[in-house]
Amino acid sequence: CWVVFGCGWDNTKLLYHDLLSIFESEILPTYNSSHIQYVIYYFLSFKTTLAENFSNWLLKKCFDTSSSSTLRQAAAGYLASFLCRASFITNK
């Protein structure tokens, strides 16, 4: 949205929150999803701030004791997958 359509920051944040909500309710609890997470990874590649927020959100999910262990393990897997593939994220 940011690069392709020039939507502006407010619309980009709204889209991010919509995608995050879908990720939390549909993708995270789904066992053995194959490729759908890459749509979100691609969107996050446009804005480092969003990628950092997503990483922090996943990390919090990993340590959320009110979530089931299955969801925490899935969050850890997605976090590792995202950080391994996101060449636009640095360790600084």
C-alpha atoms as a PDB file:
ATOM      1  CA  CYS A   1       0.000   0.000   0.000  1.00  0.00           C
ATOM      2  CA  TRP A   2       2.697   2.455   1.002  1.00  0.00           C
ATOM      3  CA  VAL A   3       4.913   2.105  -2.045  1.00  0.00           C
ATOM      4  CA  VAL A   4       2.505   0.774  -4.632  1.00  0.00           C
ATOM      5  CA  PHE A   5      -0.477   3.045  -4.084  1.00  0.00           C
ATOM      6  CA  GLY A   6       0.964   5.884  -1.988  1.00  0.00           C
ATOM      7  CA  CYS A   7      -1.921   5.533   0.499  1.00  0.00           C
ATOM      8  CA  GLY A   8      -0.376   7.500   3.301  1.00  0.00           C
ATOM      9  CA  TRP A   9       0.559   6.473   6.788  1.00  0.00           C
ATOM     10  CA  ASP A  10      -2.947   6.445   8.304  1.00  0.00           C
ATOM     11  CA  ASN A  11      -4.344   4.050   5.702  1.00  0.00           C
ATOM     12  CA  THR A  12      -1.226   1.904   5.957  1.00  0.00           C
ATOM     13  CA  LYS A  13      -1.680   1.572   9.725  1.00  0.00           C
ATOM     14  CA  LEU A  14      -5.330   0.625   9.255  1.00  0.00           C
ATOM     15  CA  LEU A  15      -4.379  -2.060   6.758  1.00  0.00           C
ATOM     16  CA  TYR A  16      -1.658  -3.320   9.109  1.00  0.00           C
ATOM     17  CA  HIS A  17      -4.128  -3.667  11.978  1.00  0.00           C
ATOM     18  CA  ASP A  18      -6.592  -5.492   9.714  1.00  0.00           C
ATOM     19  CA  LEU A  19      -3.878  -7.900   8.564  1.00  0.00           C
ATOM     20  CA  LEU A  20      -2.710  -8.431  12.145  1.00  0.00           C
ATOM     21  CA  SER A  21      -6.246  -9.209  13.250  1.00  0.00           C
ATOM     22  CA  ILE A  22      -6.640 -11.751  10.441  1.00  0.00           C
ATOM     23  CA  PHE A  23      -3.234 -13.228  11.250  1.00  0.00           C
ATOM     24  CA  GLU A  24      -4.163 -13.632  14.915  1.00  0.00           C
ATOM     25  CA  SER A  25      -7.598 -15.128  14.338  1.00  0.00           C
ATOM     26  CA  GLU A  26      -7.045 -17.237  11.216  1.00  0.00           C
ATOM     27  CA  ILE A  27      -3.390 -17.885  10.397  1.00  0.00           C
ATOM     28  CA  LEU A  28      -1.744 -18.257  13.804  1.00  0.00           C
ATOM     29  CA  PRO A  29      -4.089 -20.992  15.062  1.00  0.00           C
ATOM     30  CA  THR A  30      -4.105 -22.868  11.730  1.00  0.00           C
ATOM     31  CA  TYR A  31      -1.951 -25.960  11.725  1.00  0.00           C
ATOM     32  CA  ASN A  32       0.508 -26.383   8.862  1.00  0.00           C
ATOM     33  CA  SER A  33      -0.350 -23.296   6.801  1.00  0.00           C
ATOM     34  CA  SER A  34       2.028 -23.111   3.893  1.00  0.00           C
ATOM     35  CA  HIS A  35       2.336 -19.765   2.185  1.00  0.00           C
ATOM     36  CA  ILE A  36      -0.294 -17.277   3.313  1.00  0.00           C
ATOM     37  CA  GLN A  37       2.029 -15.641   5.874  1.00  0.00           C
ATOM     38  CA  TYR A  38       4.209 -14.391   3.009  1.00  0.00           C
ATOM     39  CA  VAL A  39       1.486 -11.918   2.031  1.00  0.00           C
ATOM     40  CA  ILE A  40       1.914 -10.258   5.418  1.00  0.00           C
ATOM     41  CA  TYR A  41       5.716 -10.521   5.229  1.00  0.00           C
ATOM     42  CA  TYR A  42       5.615  -8.752   1.857  1.00  0.00           C
ATOM     43  CA  PHE A  43       3.420  -5.974   3.212  1.00  0.00           C
ATOM     44  CA  LEU A  44       5.755  -5.499   6.183  1.00  0.00           C
ATOM     45  CA  SER A  45       8.750  -5.126   3.869  1.00  0.00           C
ATOM     46  CA  PHE A  46       7.552  -1.655   2.859  1.00  0.00           C
ATOM     47  CA  LYS A  47       7.868  -0.095   6.317  1.00  0.00           C
ATOM     48  CA  THR A  48      10.477  -1.110   8.885  1.00  0.00           C
ATOM     49  CA  THR A  49       8.323   0.286  11.685  1.00  0.00           C
ATOM     50  CA  LEU A  50       5.561  -2.168  10.854  1.00  0.00           C
ATOM     51  CA  ALA A  51       8.019  -5.055  10.654  1.00  0.00           C
ATOM     52  CA  GLU A  52       9.376  -4.176  14.100  1.00  0.00           C
ATOM     53  CA  ASN A  53       5.856  -3.920  15.521  1.00  0.00           C
ATOM     54  CA  PHE A  54       4.948  -7.314  14.057  1.00  0.00           C
ATOM     55  CA  SER A  55       8.111  -8.883  15.488  1.00  0.00           C
ATOM     56  CA  ASN A  56       7.394  -7.407  18.911  1.00  0.00           C
ATOM     57  CA  TRP A  57       3.781  -8.595  18.738  1.00  0.00           C
ATOM     58  CA  LEU A  58       4.898 -12.145  17.932  1.00  0.00           C
ATOM     59  CA  LEU A  59       7.485 -12.070  20.719  1.00  0.00           C
ATOM     60  CA  LYS A  60       4.821 -10.988  23.211  1.00  0.00           C
ATOM     61  CA  LYS A  61       2.615 -13.831  21.991  1.00  0.00           C
ATOM     62  CA  CYS A  62       5.471 -16.262  22.674  1.00  0.00           C
ATOM     63  CA  PHE A  63       5.556 -15.263  26.340  1.00  0.00           C
ATOM     64  CA  ASP A  64       1.818 -14.759  26.874  1.00  0.00           C
ATOM     65  CA  THR A  65       0.973 -17.342  29.515  1.00  0.00           C
ATOM     66  CA  SER A  66      -2.755 -16.808  28.952  1.00  0.00           C
ATOM     67  CA  SER A  67      -2.387 -18.205  25.412  1.00  0.00           C
ATOM     68  CA  SER A  68      -2.242 -21.913  24.763  1.00  0.00           C
ATOM     69  CA  SER A  69       1.155 -23.523  24.323  1.00  0.00           C
ATOM     70  CA  THR A  70       0.207 -24.351  20.726  1.00  0.00           C
ATOM     71  CA  LEU A  71      -0.337 -20.671  19.896  1.00  0.00           C
ATOM     72  CA  ARG A  72       2.878 -19.685  21.664  1.00  0.00           C
ATOM     73  CA  GLN A  73       4.821 -22.294  19.678  1.00  0.00           C
ATOM     74  CA  ALA A  74       3.213 -21.125  16.433  1.00  0.00           C
ATOM     75  CA  ALA A  75       4.123 -17.511  17.258  1.00  0.00           C
ATOM     76  CA  ALA A  76       7.734 -18.553  17.887  1.00  0.00           C
ATOM     77  CA  GLY A  77       7.807 -20.394  14.572  1.00  0.00           C
ATOM     78  CA  TYR A  78       6.389 -17.444  12.653  1.00  0.00           C
ATOM     79  CA  LEU A  79       8.792 -15.074  14.391  1.00  0.00           C
ATOM     80  CA  ALA A  80      11.760 -17.239  13.453  1.00  0.00           C
ATOM     81  CA  SER A  81      10.465 -17.626   9.899  1.00  0.00           C
ATOM     82  CA  PHE A  82       9.917 -13.896   9.516  1.00  0.00           C
ATOM     83  CA  LEU A  83      13.312 -12.889  10.907  1.00  0.00           C
ATOM     84  CA  CYS A  84      15.131 -15.456   8.755  1.00  0.00           C
ATOM     85  CA  ARG A  85      13.467 -14.271   5.569  1.00  0.00           C
ATOM     86  CA  ALA A  86      13.256 -10.527   6.215  1.00  0.00           C
ATOM     87  CA  SER A  87      16.476  -9.272   4.663  1.00  0.00           C
ATOM     88  CA  PHE A  88      15.269  -5.703   5.252  1.00  0.00           C
ATOM     89  CA  ILE A  89      15.550  -6.138   9.047  1.00  0.00           C
ATOM     90  CA  THR A  90      18.916  -5.440  10.618  1.00  0.00           C
ATOM     91  CA  ASN A  91      20.180  -6.304  14.062  1.00  0.00           C
ATOM     92  CA  LYS A  92      20.712  -2.658  14.974  1.00  0.00           C
END
